C-alpha atoms as a PDB file:
ATOM      1  CA  MET A   1     226.048-104.883  -0.354  1.00  0.00           C
ATOM      2  CA  THR A   2     227.378-106.970  -3.254  1.00  0.00           C
ATOM      3  CA  LEU A   3     227.219-105.820  -6.849  1.00  0.00           C
ATOM      4  CA  THR A   4     227.287-108.311  -9.681  1.00  0.00           C
ATOM      5  CA  ASN A   5     227.630-107.109 -13.266  1.00  0.00           C
ATOM      6  CA  GLY A   6     228.774-109.567 -15.894  1.00  0.00           C
ATOM      7  CA  ASN A   7     231.472-111.741 -14.330  1.00  0.00           C
ATOM      8  CA  HIS A   8     232.544-109.161 -11.740  1.00  0.00           C
ATOM      9  CA  THR A   9     231.384-109.161  -8.127  1.00  0.00           C
ATOM     10  CA  SER A  10     232.409-106.470  -5.661  1.00  0.00           C
ATOM     11  CA  THR A  11     231.301-104.774  -2.490  1.00  0.00           C
ATOM     12  CA  ILE A  12     230.714-101.045  -2.824  1.00  0.00           C
ATOM     13  CA  ARG A  13     230.223 -98.407  -0.181  1.00  0.00           C
ATOM     14  CA  PRO A  14     227.005 -96.368  -0.261  1.00  0.00           C
ATOM     15  CA  LEU A  15     226.912 -93.251  -2.420  1.00  0.00           C
ATOM     16  CA  LYS A  16     225.265 -90.499  -0.400  1.00  0.00           C
ATOM     17  CA  PRO A  17     224.212 -86.882  -0.972  1.00  0.00           C
ATOM     18  CA  GLY A  18     226.892 -84.436   0.134  1.00  0.00           C
ATOM     19  CA  ILE A  19     230.092 -82.748  -0.947  1.00  0.00           C
ATOM     20  CA  TYR A  20     232.760 -84.417  -3.074  1.00  0.00           C
ATOM     21  CA  ALA A  21     236.118 -83.039  -4.203  1.00  0.00           C
ATOM     22  CA  PRO A  22     237.911 -83.815  -7.473  1.00  0.00           C
ATOM     23  CA  ILE A  23     241.314 -84.536  -5.955  1.00  0.00           C
ATOM     24  CA  PRO A  24     244.359 -83.016  -7.667  1.00  0.00           C
ATOM     25  CA  SER A  25     247.117 -85.366  -8.776  1.00  0.00           C
ATOM     26  CA  PHE A  26     250.356 -84.175  -7.199  1.00  0.00           C
ATOM     27  CA  PHE A  27     253.711 -84.439  -8.959  1.00  0.00           C
ATOM     28  CA  LEU A  28     257.311 -84.324  -7.834  1.00  0.00           C
ATOM     29  CA  PRO A  29     259.426 -81.420  -9.104  1.00  0.00           C
ATOM     30  CA  GLU A  30     261.528 -82.081 -12.211  1.00  0.00           C
ATOM     31  CA  SER A  31     260.615 -85.752 -12.707  1.00  0.00           C
ATOM     32  CA  GLU A  32     256.826 -85.132 -12.599  1.00  0.00           C
ATOM     33  CA  ASP A  33     256.404 -88.579 -11.054  1.00  0.00           C
ATOM     34  CA  LEU A  34     253.389 -88.995  -8.789  1.00  0.00           C
ATOM     35  CA  ASP A  35     253.879 -87.408  -5.360  1.00  0.00           C
ATOM     36  CA  ILE A  36     252.238 -90.193  -3.396  1.00  0.00           C
ATOM     37  CA  SER A  37     252.851 -88.695   0.047  1.00  0.00           C
ATOM     38  CA  SER A  38     251.098 -85.420  -0.774  1.00  0.00           C
ATOM     39  CA  PHE A  39     248.247 -87.313  -2.423  1.00  0.00           C
ATOM     40  CA  GLU A  40     247.739 -89.502   0.642  1.00  0.00           C
ATOM     41  CA  ASN A  41     247.789 -86.522   2.985  1.00  0.00           C
ATOM     42  CA  HIS A  42     245.287 -84.627   0.896  1.00  0.00           C
ATOM     43  CA  VAL A  43     242.825 -87.494   0.468  1.00  0.00           C
ATOM     44  CA  VAL A  44     242.792 -88.003   4.231  1.00  0.00           C
ATOM     45  CA  ARG A  45     242.521 -84.261   4.879  1.00  0.00           C
ATOM     46  CA  VAL A  46     239.382 -83.753   2.805  1.00  0.00           C
ATOM     47  CA  ALA A  47     237.769 -87.054   3.802  1.00  0.00           C
ATOM     48  CA  THR A  48     238.262 -86.297   7.488  1.00  0.00           C
ATOM     49  CA  ALA A  49     236.338 -83.066   6.896  1.00  0.00           C
ATOM     50  CA  GLY A  50     233.432 -85.051   5.442  1.00  0.00           C
ATOM     51  CA  VAL A  51     234.255 -84.603   1.743  1.00  0.00           C
ATOM     52  CA  GLY A  52     234.269 -87.616  -0.553  1.00  0.00           C
ATOM     53  CA  PRO A  53     237.271 -88.062  -2.876  1.00  0.00           C
ATOM     54  CA  LEU A  54     236.935 -88.237  -6.642  1.00  0.00           C
ATOM     55  CA  LEU A  55     240.165 -89.230  -8.399  1.00  0.00           C
ATOM     56  CA  SER A  56     241.405 -88.751 -11.965  1.00  0.00           C
ATOM     57  CA  GLY A  57     238.937 -86.090 -12.968  1.00  0.00           C
ATOM     58  CA  SER A  58     239.607 -82.742 -14.620  1.00  0.00           C
ATOM     59  CA  MET A  59     241.212 -81.309 -11.462  1.00  0.00           C
ATOM     60  CA  GLY A  60     243.198 -84.545 -11.213  1.00  0.00           C
ATOM     61  CA  GLU A  61     244.640 -84.025 -14.704  1.00  0.00           C
ATOM     62  CA  ALA A  62     243.284 -87.366 -15.845  1.00  0.00           C
ATOM     63  CA  HIS A  63     244.505 -86.864 -19.397  1.00  0.00           C
ATOM     64  CA  HIS A  64     248.036 -86.495 -18.058  1.00  0.00           C
ATOM     65  CA  LEU A  65     247.865 -89.882 -16.307  1.00  0.00           C
ATOM     66  CA  SER A  66     248.629 -93.343 -17.632  1.00  0.00           C
ATOM     67  CA  HIS A  67     246.337 -96.278 -16.900  1.00  0.00           C
ATOM     68  CA  GLU A  68     248.889 -97.547 -14.401  1.00  0.00           C
ATOM     69  CA  GLU A  69     249.007 -94.210 -12.588  1.00  0.00           C
ATOM     70  CA  ARG A  70     245.230 -94.105 -12.307  1.00  0.00           C
ATOM     71  CA  VAL A  71     245.284 -97.567 -10.739  1.00  0.00           C
ATOM     72  CA  THR A  72     248.053 -96.489  -8.350  1.00  0.00           C
ATOM     73  CA  LEU A  73     245.983 -93.522  -7.175  1.00  0.00           C
ATOM     74  CA  ILE A  74     242.910 -95.683  -6.525  1.00  0.00           C
ATOM     75  CA  LYS A  75     244.887 -98.207  -4.497  1.00  0.00           C
ATOM     76  CA  THR A  76     246.709 -95.450  -2.622  1.00  0.00           C
ATOM     77  CA  ALA A  77     243.500 -93.599  -1.745  1.00  0.00           C
ATOM     78  CA  ARG A  78     241.762 -96.745  -0.539  1.00  0.00           C
ATOM     79  CA  LYS A  79     244.717 -97.734   1.648  1.00  0.00           C
ATOM     80  CA  ALA A  80     245.043 -94.216   3.078  1.00  0.00           C
ATOM     81  CA  LEU A  81     241.346 -94.007   3.928  1.00  0.00           C
ATOM     82  CA  ASP A  82     241.290 -97.445   5.522  1.00  0.00           C
ATOM     83  CA  GLY A  83     244.430 -96.586   7.469  1.00  0.00           C
ATOM     84  CA  VAL A  84     242.655 -93.773   9.347  1.00  0.00           C
ATOM     85  CA  GLY A  85     239.451 -95.710   9.898  1.00  0.00           C
ATOM     86  CA  LEU A  86     237.465 -94.196   7.007  1.00  0.00           C
ATOM     87  CA  VAL A  87     236.600 -97.621   5.669  1.00  0.00           C
ATOM     88  CA  ASN A  88     233.078 -96.606   4.597  1.00  0.00           C
ATOM     89  CA  VAL A  89     234.146 -93.613   2.495  1.00  0.00           C
ATOM     90  CA  PRO A  90     233.698 -94.556  -1.167  1.00  0.00           C
ATOM     91  CA  VAL A  91     236.277 -93.880  -3.854  1.00  0.00           C
ATOM     92  CA  ILE A  92     234.996 -92.410  -7.119  1.00  0.00           C
ATOM     93  CA  THR A  93     237.328 -92.332 -10.093  1.00  0.00           C
ATOM     94  CA  GLY A  94     237.277 -90.816 -13.540  1.00  0.00           C
ATOM     95  CA  ILE A  95     237.252 -93.144 -16.529  1.00  0.00           C
ATOM     96  CA  GLY A  96     237.286 -90.491 -19.227  1.00  0.00           C
ATOM     97  CA  ALA A  97     239.058 -91.540 -22.426  1.00  0.00           C
ATOM     98  CA  GLY A  98     238.938 -91.068 -26.171  1.00  0.00           C
ATOM     99  CA  SER A  99     236.803 -94.070 -27.094  1.00  0.00           C
ATOM    100  CA  THR A 100     233.945 -96.066 -25.604  1.00  0.00           C
ATOM    101  CA  ARG A 101     236.210 -99.129 -25.657  1.00  0.00           C
ATOM    102  CA  GLU A 102     238.948 -97.482 -23.579  1.00  0.00           C
ATOM    103  CA  THR A 103     236.405 -95.962 -21.185  1.00  0.00           C
ATOM    104  CA  ILE A 104     235.076 -99.447 -20.443  1.00  0.00           C
ATOM    105  CA  GLU A 105     238.641-100.735 -20.085  1.00  0.00           C
ATOM    106  CA  LEU A 106     239.325 -98.021 -17.494  1.00  0.00           C
ATOM    107  CA  ALA A 107     236.109 -98.945 -15.674  1.00  0.00           C
ATOM    108  CA  ASN A 108     237.242-102.542 -15.357  1.00  0.00           C
ATOM    109  CA  GLU A 109     240.705-101.491 -14.182  1.00  0.00           C
ATOM    110  CA  ALA A 110     239.150 -99.105 -11.644  1.00  0.00           C
ATOM    111  CA  ALA A 111     236.908-101.778 -10.200  1.00  0.00           C
ATOM    112  CA  ALA A 112     239.790-104.245  -9.927  1.00  0.00           C
ATOM    113  CA  ALA A 113     241.873-101.607  -8.121  1.00  0.00           C
ATOM    114  CA  GLY A 114     239.170-100.995  -5.513  1.00  0.00           C
ATOM    115  CA  ALA A 115     237.133 -98.052  -6.797  1.00  0.00           C
ATOM    116  CA  ASP A 116     233.489 -98.035  -5.781  1.00  0.00           C
ATOM    117  CA  TYR A 117     232.146 -95.730  -8.495  1.00  0.00           C
ATOM    118  CA  ALA A 118     233.222 -94.292 -11.825  1.00  0.00           C
ATOM    119  CA  ILE A 119     232.466 -91.024 -13.589  1.00  0.00           C
ATOM    120  CA  ALA A 120     232.555 -90.766 -17.390  1.00  0.00           C
ATOM    121  CA  ILE A 121     232.740 -87.812 -19.763  1.00  0.00           C
ATOM    122  CA  ALA A 122     232.231 -87.877 -23.507  1.00  0.00           C
ATOM    123  CA  SER A 123     235.464 -87.220 -25.355  1.00  0.00           C
ATOM    124  CA  GLY A 124     235.570 -83.819 -27.022  1.00  0.00           C
ATOM    125  CA  TYR A 125     238.045 -84.798 -29.738  1.00  0.00           C
ATOM    126  CA  PHE A 126     235.241 -85.561 -32.192  1.00  0.00           C
ATOM    127  CA  ALA A 127     232.774 -83.111 -30.655  1.00  0.00           C
ATOM    128  CA  GLY A 128     231.870 -81.814 -34.105  1.00  0.00           C
ATOM    129  CA  ALA A 129     230.337 -85.172 -34.954  1.00  0.00           C
ATOM    130  CA  LEU A 130     228.964 -86.008 -31.503  1.00  0.00           C
ATOM    131  CA  SER A 131     227.640 -82.749 -30.102  1.00  0.00           C
ATOM    132  CA  GLY A 132     224.352 -82.720 -31.999  1.00  0.00           C
ATOM    133  CA  ASN A 133     223.955 -86.490 -32.180  1.00  0.00           C
ATOM    134  CA  LYS A 134     221.703 -87.446 -29.276  1.00  0.00           C
ATOM    135  CA  LYS A 135     221.564 -91.076 -30.413  1.00  0.00           C
ATOM    136  CA  ALA A 136     225.364 -91.440 -30.313  1.00  0.00           C
ATOM    137  CA  LEU A 137     225.690 -89.668 -26.963  1.00  0.00           C
ATOM    138  CA  LYS A 138     222.990 -91.794 -25.387  1.00  0.00           C
ATOM    139  CA  ALA A 139     224.568 -94.953 -26.787  1.00  0.00           C
ATOM    140  CA  PHE A 140     227.903 -93.995 -25.200  1.00  0.00           C
ATOM    141  CA  TRP A 141     226.578 -93.883 -21.640  1.00  0.00           C
ATOM    142  CA  GLN A 142     224.283 -96.844 -22.214  1.00  0.00           C
ATOM    143  CA  GLU A 143     227.163 -99.049 -23.320  1.00  0.00           C
ATOM    144  CA  VAL A 144     229.626 -97.796 -20.712  1.00  0.00           C
ATOM    145  CA  SER A 145     227.191 -98.201 -17.828  1.00  0.00           C
ATOM    146  CA  SER A 146     225.939-101.620 -18.963  1.00  0.00           C
ATOM    147  CA  LYS A 147     229.480-102.995 -19.298  1.00  0.00           C
ATOM    148  CA  SER A 148     231.015-101.343 -16.241  1.00  0.00           C
ATOM    149  CA  PRO A 149     231.372-103.555 -13.166  1.00  0.00           C
ATOM    150  CA  ILE A 150     230.784-100.533 -10.914  1.00  0.00           C
ATOM    151  CA  PRO A 151     228.087 -97.834 -11.092  1.00  0.00           C
ATOM    152  CA  VAL A 152     228.829 -94.926 -13.420  1.00  0.00           C
ATOM    153  CA  MET A 153     228.102 -91.233 -13.039  1.00  0.00           C
ATOM    154  CA  ILE A 154     227.571 -88.873 -15.986  1.00  0.00           C
ATOM    155  CA  TYR A 155     230.037 -85.981 -16.164  1.00  0.00           C
ATOM    156  CA  ASN A 156     228.571 -83.045 -18.080  1.00  0.00           C
ATOM    157  CA  TYR A 157     231.338 -80.491 -18.586  1.00  0.00           C
ATOM    158  CA  PRO A 158     231.184 -78.690 -21.949  1.00  0.00           C
ATOM    159  CA  GLY A 159     234.502 -76.944 -21.250  1.00  0.00           C
ATOM    160  CA  ALA A 160     236.355 -80.271 -21.148  1.00  0.00           C
ATOM    161  CA  SER A 161     234.449 -82.064 -23.888  1.00  0.00           C
ATOM    162  CA  GLY A 162     234.636 -79.742 -26.845  1.00  0.00           C
ATOM    163  CA  GLY A 163     231.354 -78.037 -26.008  1.00  0.00           C
ATOM    164  CA  ILE A 164     229.253 -81.201 -25.699  1.00  0.00           C
ATOM    165  CA  ASN A 165     226.446 -80.193 -23.333  1.00  0.00           C
ATOM    166  CA  LEU A 166     223.816 -82.786 -22.483  1.00  0.00           C
ATOM    167  CA  ASP A 167     220.322 -81.399 -21.981  1.00  0.00           C
ATOM    168  CA  SER A 168     218.011 -82.340 -19.132  1.00  0.00           C
ATOM    169  CA  ASP A 169     215.862 -84.542 -21.366  1.00  0.00           C
ATOM    170  CA  LEU A 170     218.783 -86.784 -22.346  1.00  0.00           C
ATOM    171  CA  ILE A 171     220.136 -87.009 -18.794  1.00  0.00           C
ATOM    172  CA  THR A 172     216.672 -87.888 -17.485  1.00  0.00           C
ATOM    173  CA  GLU A 173     216.289 -90.554 -20.188  1.00  0.00           C
ATOM    174  CA  LEU A 174     219.619 -92.069 -19.158  1.00  0.00           C
ATOM    175  CA  ALA A 175     218.558 -92.043 -15.496  1.00  0.00           C
ATOM    176  CA  ILE A 176     215.401 -93.935 -16.402  1.00  0.00           C
ATOM    177  CA  ASP A 177     216.872 -96.353 -18.954  1.00  0.00           C
ATOM    178  CA  CYS A 178     220.259 -97.170 -17.395  1.00  0.00           C
ATOM    179  CA  PRO A 179     220.040 -98.765 -13.929  1.00  0.00           C
ATOM    180  CA  ASN A 180     223.825 -98.770 -13.455  1.00  0.00           C
ATOM    181  CA  ILE A 181     224.054 -94.978 -13.807  1.00  0.00           C
ATOM    182  CA  CYS A 182     224.273 -93.443 -10.351  1.00  0.00           C
ATOM    183  CA  GLY A 183     224.040 -89.715 -11.000  1.00  0.00           C
ATOM    184  CA  VAL A 184     225.273 -86.673 -12.856  1.00  0.00           C
ATOM    185  CA  LYS A 185     227.808 -83.929 -12.194  1.00  0.00           C
ATOM    186  CA  LEU A 186     226.656 -80.674 -13.776  1.00  0.00           C
ATOM    187  CA  THR A 187     229.768 -78.603 -14.368  1.00  0.00           C
ATOM    188  CA  CYS A 188     227.739 -76.785 -16.999  1.00  0.00           C
ATOM    189  CA  GLY A 189     226.537 -74.779 -13.966  1.00  0.00           C
ATOM    190  CA  ASP A 190     222.932 -74.881 -15.215  1.00  0.00           C
ATOM    191  CA  VAL A 191     220.644 -74.626 -12.176  1.00  0.00           C
ATOM    192  CA  GLY A 192     217.541 -74.967 -14.346  1.00  0.00           C
ATOM    193  CA  LYS A 193     218.867 -78.242 -15.719  1.00  0.00           C
ATOM    194  CA  LEU A 194     219.564 -79.473 -12.180  1.00  0.00           C
ATOM    195  CA  THR A 195     216.015 -78.547 -11.158  1.00  0.00           C
ATOM    196  CA  ARG A 196     214.441 -80.400 -14.068  1.00  0.00           C
ATOM    197  CA  ILE A 197     216.476 -83.591 -13.560  1.00  0.00           C
ATOM    198  CA  ALA A 198     215.960 -83.566  -9.788  1.00  0.00           C
ATOM    199  CA  ALA A 199     212.209 -83.165 -10.277  1.00  0.00           C
ATOM    200  CA  THR A 200     212.210 -86.632 -11.867  1.00  0.00           C
ATOM    201  CA  VAL A 201     214.818 -88.571  -9.908  1.00  0.00           C
ATOM    202  CA  SER A 202     213.870 -87.158  -6.494  1.00  0.00           C
ATOM    203  CA  ASP A 203     210.214 -88.057  -6.940  1.00  0.00           C
ATOM    204  CA  VAL A 204     209.121 -90.623  -4.355  1.00  0.00           C
ATOM    205  CA  THR A 205     208.133 -93.068  -7.107  1.00  0.00           C
ATOM    206  CA  PHE A 206     211.404 -92.959  -9.059  1.00  0.00           C
ATOM    207  CA  SER A 207     213.351 -95.612  -7.133  1.00  0.00           C
ATOM    208  CA  SER A 208     210.500 -98.122  -7.316  1.00  0.00           C
ATOM    209  CA  LEU A 209     209.712 -97.481 -10.972  1.00  0.00           C
ATOM    210  CA  HIS A 210     213.368 -97.387 -12.018  1.00  0.00           C
ATOM    211  CA  PRO A 211     215.411 -99.410  -9.510  1.00  0.00           C
ATOM    212  CA  ARG A 212     219.198 -99.165  -9.665  1.00  0.00           C
ATOM    213  CA  THR A 213     221.432-102.142 -10.319  1.00  0.00           C
ATOM    214  CA  ASN A 214     222.733-101.606  -6.794  1.00  0.00           C
ATOM    215  CA  ILE A 215     220.631-100.178  -3.974  1.00  0.00           C
ATOM    216  CA  ASN A 216     223.728 -98.450  -2.573  1.00  0.00           C
ATOM    217  CA  ALA A 217     223.979 -96.365  -5.746  1.00  0.00           C
ATOM    218  CA  PRO A 218     220.974 -94.034  -6.108  1.00  0.00           C
ATOM    219  CA  PHE A 219     220.848 -91.438  -8.858  1.00  0.00           C
ATOM    220  CA  LEU A 220     222.340 -88.238  -7.416  1.00  0.00           C
ATOM    221  CA  VAL A 221     222.067 -84.829  -9.071  1.00  0.00           C
ATOM    222  CA  LEU A 222     225.229 -82.914  -8.149  1.00  0.00           C
ATOM    223  CA  GLY A 223     226.361 -79.434  -9.068  1.00  0.00           C
ATOM    224  CA  GLY A 224     229.867 -78.837 -10.347  1.00  0.00           C
ATOM    225  CA  PHE A 225     230.414 -75.605  -8.399  1.00  0.00           C
ATOM    226  CA  THR A 226     229.697 -74.358  -4.892  1.00  0.00           C
ATOM    227  CA  ASP A 227     227.866 -71.182  -5.872  1.00  0.00           C
ATOM    228  CA  PHE A 228     224.467 -72.882  -6.034  1.00  0.00           C
ATOM    229  CA  ILE A 229     224.573 -75.418  -3.188  1.00  0.00           C
ATOM    230  CA  LEU A 230     221.831 -73.598  -1.268  1.00  0.00           C
ATOM    231  CA  PRO A 231     219.504 -73.091  -4.267  1.00  0.00           C
ATOM    232  CA  SER A 232     220.000 -76.697  -5.355  1.00  0.00           C
ATOM    233  CA  ALA A 233     218.981 -77.951  -1.910  1.00  0.00           C
ATOM    234  CA  TYR A 234     215.590 -76.333  -2.462  1.00  0.00           C
ATOM    235  CA  SER A 235     215.322 -78.011  -5.855  1.00  0.00           C
ATOM    236  CA  ASN A 236     215.947 -81.465  -4.349  1.00  0.00           C
ATOM    237  CA  GLY A 237     219.531 -81.627  -5.583  1.00  0.00           C
ATOM    238  CA  HIS A 238     222.026 -83.772  -3.712  1.00  0.00           C
ATOM    239  CA  GLY A 239     225.118 -81.612  -3.179  1.00  0.00           C
ATOM    240  CA  ALA A 240     228.150 -80.904  -5.328  1.00  0.00           C
ATOM    241  CA  ILE A 241     231.417 -82.195  -6.712  1.00  0.00           C
ATOM    242  CA  THR A 242     233.570 -79.109  -6.493  1.00  0.00           C
ATOM    243  CA  GLY A 243     237.233 -78.226  -6.784  1.00  0.00           C
ATOM    244  CA  LEU A 244     236.848 -75.614  -4.059  1.00  0.00           C
ATOM    245  CA  ALA A 245     236.296 -78.402  -1.519  1.00  0.00           C
ATOM    246  CA  ASN A 246     240.025 -79.118  -1.827  1.00  0.00           C
ATOM    247  CA  VAL A 247     240.762 -75.675  -0.392  1.00  0.00           C
ATOM    248  CA  ALA A 248     237.949 -75.262   2.148  1.00  0.00           C
ATOM    249  CA  PRO A 249     236.391 -78.663   2.890  1.00  0.00           C
ATOM    250  CA  HIS A 250     234.996 -77.871   6.353  1.00  0.00           C
ATOM    251  CA  ALA A 251     233.312 -74.658   5.241  1.00  0.00           C
ATOM    252  CA  ILE A 252     231.663 -76.236   2.203  1.00  0.00           C
ATOM    253  CA  VAL A 253     230.422 -79.245   4.161  1.00  0.00           C
ATOM    254  CA  LYS A 254     228.953 -76.806   6.686  1.00  0.00           C
ATOM    255  CA  LEU A 255     227.178 -74.929   3.894  1.00  0.00           C
ATOM    256  CA  PHE A 256     225.666 -78.178   2.610  1.00  0.00           C
ATOM    257  CA  GLU A 257     224.539 -79.188   6.106  1.00  0.00           C
ATOM    258  CA  LEU A 258     222.951 -75.800   6.812  1.00  0.00           C
ATOM    259  CA  SER A 259     221.258 -75.752   3.405  1.00  0.00           C
ATOM    260  CA  GLU A 260     219.625 -79.104   4.077  1.00  0.00           C
ATOM    261  CA  ALA A 261     218.715 -78.239   7.682  1.00  0.00           C
ATOM    262  CA  SER A 262     217.166 -74.906   6.687  1.00  0.00           C
ATOM    263  CA  LYS A 263     214.424 -76.719   4.802  1.00  0.00           C
ATOM    264  CA  ALA A 264     213.080 -77.979   8.129  1.00  0.00           C
ATOM    265  CA  ASP A 265     214.135 -74.987  10.233  1.00  0.00           C
ATOM    266  CA  PRO A 266     213.869 -71.637   8.390  1.00  0.00           C
ATOM    267  CA  SER A 267     215.698 -69.861  11.211  1.00  0.00           C
ATOM    268  CA  ILE A 268     218.895 -71.428   9.868  1.00  0.00           C
ATOM    269  CA  LEU A 269     218.437 -69.929   6.403  1.00  0.00           C
ATOM    270  CA  PRO A 270     220.166 -66.551   7.023  1.00  0.00           C
ATOM    271  CA  GLU A 271     223.373 -68.287   8.148  1.00  0.00           C
ATOM    272  CA  ALA A 272     223.214 -70.609   5.144  1.00  0.00           C
ATOM    273  CA  GLN A 273     222.810 -67.565   2.906  1.00  0.00           C
ATOM    274  CA  ARG A 274     225.787 -65.875   4.548  1.00  0.00           C
ATOM    275  CA  LEU A 275     228.014 -68.877   3.912  1.00  0.00           C
ATOM    276  CA  GLN A 276     226.684 -69.273   0.383  1.00  0.00           C
ATOM    277  CA  GLY A 277     227.651 -65.688  -0.409  1.00  0.00           C
ATOM    278  CA  ILE A 278     231.213 -66.047   0.886  1.00  0.00           C
ATOM    279  CA  ILE A 279     231.761 -69.421  -0.747  1.00  0.00           C
ATOM    280  CA  GLY A 280     230.077 -68.478  -4.024  1.00  0.00           C
ATOM    281  CA  ARG A 281     232.236 -65.380  -4.472  1.00  0.00           C
ATOM    282  CA  ALA A 282     235.382 -67.361  -3.663  1.00  0.00           C
ATOM    283  CA  ASP A 283     234.438 -70.096  -6.122  1.00  0.00           C
ATOM    284  CA  ALA A 284     234.105 -67.619  -8.978  1.00  0.00           C
ATOM    285  CA  THR A 285     237.419 -65.955  -8.145  1.00  0.00           C
ATOM    286  CA  ILE A 286     239.475 -69.101  -7.549  1.00  0.00           C
ATOM    287  CA  ALA A 287     238.008 -71.019 -10.507  1.00  0.00           C
ATOM    288  CA  LYS A 288     239.475 -68.403 -12.853  1.00  0.00           C
ATOM    289  CA  ALA A 289     242.953 -69.527 -11.740  1.00  0.00           C
ATOM    290  CA  SER A 290     242.156 -73.117 -12.736  1.00  0.00           C
ATOM    291  CA  ILE A 291     244.199 -76.136 -11.589  1.00  0.00           C
ATOM    292  CA  SER A 292     247.424 -74.225 -11.041  1.00  0.00           C
ATOM    293  CA  GLY A 293     245.624 -71.717  -8.827  1.00  0.00           C
ATOM    294  CA  THR A 294     244.101 -74.422  -6.663  1.00  0.00           C
ATOM    295  CA  LYS A 295     247.481 -76.124  -6.314  1.00  0.00           C
ATOM    296  CA  TYR A 296     249.062 -72.809  -5.356  1.00  0.00           C
ATOM    297  CA  LEU A 297     246.480 -72.266  -2.618  1.00  0.00           C
ATOM    298  CA  LEU A 298     247.027 -75.788  -1.289  1.00  0.00           C
ATOM    299  CA  GLN A 299     250.773 -75.091  -1.178  1.00  0.00           C
ATOM    300  CA  LYS A 300     250.148 -71.827   0.635  1.00  0.00           C
ATOM    301  CA  LEU A 301     247.695 -73.260   3.144  1.00  0.00           C
ATOM    302  CA  TYR A 302     248.867 -76.826   3.722  1.00  0.00           C
ATOM    303  CA  GLY A 303     252.450 -77.068   2.461  1.00  0.00           C
ATOM    304  CA  TYR A 304     251.881 -79.217  -0.624  1.00  0.00           C
ATOM    305  CA  GLY A 305     250.472 -78.618  -4.076  1.00  0.00           C
ATOM    306  CA  GLY A 306     253.246 -78.123  -6.579  1.00  0.00           C
ATOM    307  CA  HIS A 307     252.670 -77.554 -10.283  1.00  0.00           C
ATOM    308  CA  PRO A 308     250.530 -79.251 -12.929  1.00  0.00           C
ATOM    309  CA  ARG A 309     252.117 -81.608 -15.413  1.00  0.00           C
ATOM    310  CA  ARG A 310     253.379 -79.963 -18.549  1.00  0.00           C
ATOM    311  CA  PRO A 311     252.164 -78.575 -20.848  1.00  0.00           C
ATOM    312  CA  LEU A 312     249.883 -76.976 -18.230  1.00  0.00           C
ATOM    313  CA  PRO A 313     251.835 -74.013 -16.856  1.00  0.00           C
ATOM    314  CA  PRO A 314     252.168 -73.047 -13.200  1.00  0.00           C
ATOM    315  CA  ILE A 315     250.412 -69.909 -12.049  1.00  0.00           C
ATOM    316  CA  GLU A 316     252.461 -66.753 -12.648  1.00  0.00           C
ATOM    317  CA  PRO A 317     253.877 -65.236  -9.433  1.00  0.00           C
ATOM    318  CA  ALA A 318     251.982 -61.969  -9.815  1.00  0.00           C
ATOM    319  CA  ALA A 319     248.719 -63.791 -10.457  1.00  0.00           C
ATOM    320  CA  ALA A 320     249.364 -66.076  -7.469  1.00  0.00           C
ATOM    321  CA  GLU A 321     249.918 -63.130  -5.162  1.00  0.00           C
ATOM    322  CA  ALA A 322     246.789 -61.410  -6.443  1.00  0.00           C
ATOM    323  CA  LEU A 323     244.754 -64.583  -5.942  1.00  0.00           C
ATOM    324  CA  TRP A 324     245.961 -65.024  -2.369  1.00  0.00           C
ATOM    325  CA  GLU A 325     245.371 -61.391  -1.440  1.00  0.00           C
ATOM    326  CA  HIS A 326     241.954 -61.161  -3.079  1.00  0.00           C
ATOM    327  CA  SER A 327     239.242 -60.415  -0.527  1.00  0.00           C
ATOM    328  CA  HIS A 328     237.137 -63.327  -1.761  1.00  0.00           C
ATOM    329  CA  THR A 329     240.007 -65.755  -1.127  1.00  0.00           C
ATOM    330  CA  GLN A 330     240.783 -64.294   2.284  1.00  0.00           C
ATOM    331  CA  ASP A 331     237.126 -64.431   3.335  1.00  0.00           C
ATOM    332  CA  LEU A 332     237.052 -68.117   2.413  1.00  0.00           C
ATOM    333  CA  VAL A 333     240.313 -68.827   4.254  1.00  0.00           C
ATOM    334  CA  HIS A 334     238.951 -67.218   7.414  1.00  0.00           C
ATOM    335  CA  LEU A 335     235.689 -69.159   7.091  1.00  0.00           C
ATOM    336  CA  GLU A 336     237.583 -72.434   6.700  1.00  0.00           C
ATOM    337  CA  GLN A 337     239.726 -71.634   9.720  1.00  0.00           C
ATOM    338  CA  GLU A 338     236.571 -70.969  11.711  1.00  0.00           C
ATOM    339  CA  PHE A 339     234.931 -74.280  10.885  1.00  0.00           C
ATOM    340  CA  SER A 340     238.064 -76.437  10.837  1.00  0.00           C
ATOM    341  CA  GLY A 341     238.864 -75.083  14.291  1.00  0.00           C
ATOM    342  CA  LYS A 342     235.446 -76.136  15.475  1.00  0.00           C
ATOM    343  CA  ALA A 343     235.966 -79.542  13.868  1.00  0.00           C
ATOM    344  CA  ARG A 344     239.180 -80.041  15.789  1.00  0.00           C
END
């Protein structure tokens, strides 16, 4: 499938319902230069488990990366995926920036580097002026999506945008009015909002009444955590973009698969509920440790992770030990070992 927008033409890989992980950016000790080897290994690890990679998001410390580093990560991820035969796995990348102008600039750089999709968040620096201004917020995503050479996803994360929290009415309007918008990530954690948006975009008439710029890029409604994957399946949601998928990709993919299958076969529902309970508890516990906690767990489990870029601090040793020993973490680790063993 070929996408043409303005003067840019590119082939993009289909965007499908499922589980996506915001990939951490890894850094070398002392210099804090990009740790390309660890990044390559991790992208391949999660993608092999069936998790799609999202680069330069909040977990990826996008605001600690230069434009050039973002481009390097896109090119590195694409080469790593192609190198293990995962040529149809799309690359999503964050284009969050301070201004609309720079966001569009990042979108163009991402497309040129080989990204298939972009995800954009409203800057929180001027949240006081933007938060209650629906016209300005709508104009931001309208302009970004219309000028981006690749489809754009909405990133709704009040915690990273100064409290800006888009409501379901505005997101639904953007889905209807902007054919180059390909979905929303709801890190607000609002299941009611997900239900209301999905009720519109999952309707059988939506794609014919409001066709996308590219047929490979439908409008997906994705949660930002794993603790409501099962409920969202029953509200016609499309999966999740979740940091926990870095730690336990096989287990979370299995939860998504069982959640979807249980709609046709109710006998599967109890197992889906069991997994949802284990994964939901772990998500709440591990999320409290933020980026440094996730990196610590990756180091513990897979031998790479390291620290965030300063000024973000590493996790304190006592907190790291408590996180690892927590029953919620251990239950998740055992679940991941169970399903990754089956995958092998």
